[in-house]
Protein backbone atom coordinates (compact mmCIF):
# COMPACT_ATOMS: atom_id res chain seq x y z
CA MET A 1 40.73 123.43 120.53
CA TYR A 2 37.57 124.46 122.30
CA ARG A 3 36.64 123.94 125.96
CA LYS A 4 33.22 124.18 127.62
CA SER A 5 32.96 126.23 130.83
CA GLN A 6 29.68 128.62 131.34
CA GLU A 7 29.79 129.06 127.49
CA LEU A 8 31.74 127.54 124.49
CA GLU A 9 35.42 128.99 124.06
CA VAL A 10 37.87 128.38 121.34
CA LEU A 11 41.68 128.82 121.25
CA LEU A 12 42.80 131.24 118.87
CA VAL A 13 46.51 132.32 117.74
CA HIS A 14 47.93 135.72 116.72
CA PRO A 15 50.45 135.70 113.97
CA GLY A 16 53.95 136.90 114.91
CA GLY A 17 56.06 139.25 113.01
CA PRO A 18 56.06 143.02 112.16
CA PHE A 19 52.97 142.84 109.77
CA PHE A 20 50.59 141.77 112.47
CA ALA A 21 52.31 143.55 115.25
CA ARG A 22 49.79 146.09 115.76
CA LYS A 23 46.83 144.26 114.46
CA ASP A 24 44.01 142.74 116.58
CA LEU A 25 40.51 142.50 115.15
CA GLY A 26 40.45 140.12 112.04
CA SER A 27 44.02 139.09 112.77
CA TRP A 28 43.72 136.05 115.01
CA SER A 29 43.32 132.61 113.42
CA VAL A 30 42.84 128.82 114.41
CA PRO A 31 46.13 127.18 114.80
CA LYS A 32 46.87 125.96 111.10
CA GLY A 33 49.63 125.54 108.57
CA GLU A 34 50.32 123.71 105.06
CA TYR A 35 50.95 120.11 104.54
CA LEU A 36 52.38 117.97 101.96
CA ASN A 37 50.44 115.60 99.27
CA ASP A 38 51.75 112.71 100.90
CA GLU A 39 50.95 113.70 104.54
CA ASP A 40 47.59 113.10 106.27
CA PRO A 41 45.81 116.20 106.94
CA LEU A 42 44.83 115.39 110.35
CA ASP A 43 48.50 114.50 111.29
CA ALA A 44 49.80 117.73 109.59
CA ALA A 45 47.20 119.55 111.71
CA LYS A 46 48.61 117.85 114.80
CA ARG A 47 52.36 118.87 113.80
CA GLU A 48 51.23 122.34 113.05
CA PHE A 49 49.63 122.83 116.47
CA GLU A 50 52.36 121.73 118.17
CA GLU A 51 54.94 123.97 116.20
CA GLU A 52 52.82 126.84 116.69
CA THR A 53 52.02 126.34 120.29
CA GLY A 54 54.73 124.07 121.68
CA GLN A 55 52.01 121.65 122.98
CA LYS A 56 50.70 118.37 121.70
CA ILE A 57 47.37 117.83 121.07
CA ASP A 58 45.37 114.79 121.26
CA GLY A 59 41.44 113.74 121.56
CA ASP A 60 38.51 112.87 119.80
CA PHE A 61 38.62 115.19 116.61
CA ILE A 62 35.67 116.29 115.06
CA SER A 63 36.13 116.78 111.27
CA LEU A 64 34.94 120.26 110.08
CA LEU A 65 33.74 121.06 106.59
CA PRO A 66 36.73 122.68 104.58
CA ILE A 67 36.31 126.52 104.06
CA LYS A 68 37.92 128.75 101.54
CA GLN A 69 39.43 132.13 102.64
CA SER A 70 39.31 135.28 100.45
CA SER A 71 43.03 134.98 99.67
CA GLY A 72 41.86 131.40 98.09
CA LYS A 73 43.48 129.23 100.59
CA ILE A 74 41.38 126.22 101.28
CA VAL A 75 41.54 125.62 105.19
CA THR A 76 40.75 121.85 106.58
CA ALA A 77 40.10 121.90 109.99
CA TRP A 78 39.12 119.57 113.11
CA ALA A 79 37.91 120.57 116.30
CA VAL A 80 38.90 119.04 119.50
CA GLU A 81 37.91 119.59 123.22
CA GLY A 82 41.27 120.18 125.47
CA GLU A 83 42.80 122.61 127.78
CA LEU A 84 45.77 124.66 127.08
CA ASP A 85 47.52 127.32 129.27
CA VAL A 86 48.09 130.24 127.00
CA GLU A 87 50.99 131.37 129.28
CA THR A 88 53.13 128.32 128.19
CA VAL A 89 52.71 128.63 124.53
CA VAL A 90 56.02 128.75 122.76
CA SER A 91 56.00 129.03 118.99
CA ASN A 92 58.69 127.93 116.25
CA ASN A 93 60.17 130.78 114.50
CA PHE A 94 60.71 132.08 111.08
CA GLU A 95 63.17 134.54 109.27
CA MET A 96 62.61 137.55 107.09
CA ILE A 97 64.41 140.52 105.90
CA TRP A 98 63.33 143.38 108.13
CA PRO A 99 63.03 146.12 107.70
CA PRO A 100 62.37 145.89 104.00
CA GLY A 101 65.24 146.73 101.93
CA SER A 102 67.90 146.42 104.78
CA ASP A 103 69.26 142.89 104.08
CA LYS A 104 69.16 142.33 107.98
CA LEU A 105 67.66 138.66 108.34
CA ARG A 106 65.46 138.67 111.61
CA SER A 107 63.76 135.83 113.28
CA PHE A 108 60.22 136.24 114.44
CA PRO A 109 57.83 133.66 116.34
CA GLU A 110 55.36 132.20 113.98
CA ILE A 111 52.72 133.23 116.48
CA ASP A 112 53.32 135.65 119.36
CA LYS A 113 50.34 134.72 121.60
CA ALA A 114 47.29 132.76 122.16
CA ALA A 115 44.13 133.26 123.96
CA TRP A 116 40.80 131.72 124.99
CA PHE A 117 37.82 133.56 123.56
CA SER A 118 33.80 133.02 123.76
CA LEU A 119 32.44 132.55 120.32
CA GLU A 120 30.99 136.07 120.08
CA THR A 121 34.44 137.59 120.71
CA ALA A 122 36.35 135.07 118.63
CA LYS A 123 34.05 135.99 115.43
CA GLN A 124 35.44 139.61 115.96
CA LYS A 125 39.20 138.48 116.44
CA ILE A 126 39.32 135.74 113.73
CA ASN A 127 40.36 136.11 110.16
CA LYS A 128 36.55 136.64 108.81
CA GLY A 129 37.14 133.81 106.23
CA GLN A 130 37.42 131.51 109.15
CA ILE A 131 34.06 132.35 110.88
CA PRO A 132 32.33 129.64 109.37
CA LEU A 133 34.58 127.14 111.13
CA LEU A 134 33.30 128.74 114.60
CA ASP A 135 29.82 128.32 113.28
CA GLN A 136 30.25 124.93 112.23
CA LEU A 137 31.47 124.30 115.92
CA ALA A 138 28.76 126.12 117.68
CA ASP A 139 26.42 123.83 115.79
CA ILE A 140 28.11 120.76 116.86
CA VAL A 141 29.35 121.36 120.26
CA LYS A 142 26.52 122.28 123.00
CA VAL A 143 27.06 123.68 126.22
């Protein structure tokens, strides 16, 4: 999601859970998730956005070229202009054993916060493998 004010801004989300609790630069992401082979990728992107933010998303979606992260994961993404109050974001949860070896199953939010960033700041915050998505957006959307 992006918005235009004095400059182009993008919405990024920060992963929840203990592994990312104290990480900032290079840890943020576009809202995303996995989809099944028989699921339309854009429909999956809308579903994942709602699961991660608690907000439905709609509008004129701009298809971006898929990117490959260093992990080998292929990210297929779309851009859409919109507004979202980051204070109202409520994510779905996941469960994991924490601390390791404790046999204690704990629940954590999939994302623990969302924020709007200028492109310059977003490039510092986002997982470096996703920077090409921001570059594509900058080439397409002019303020």
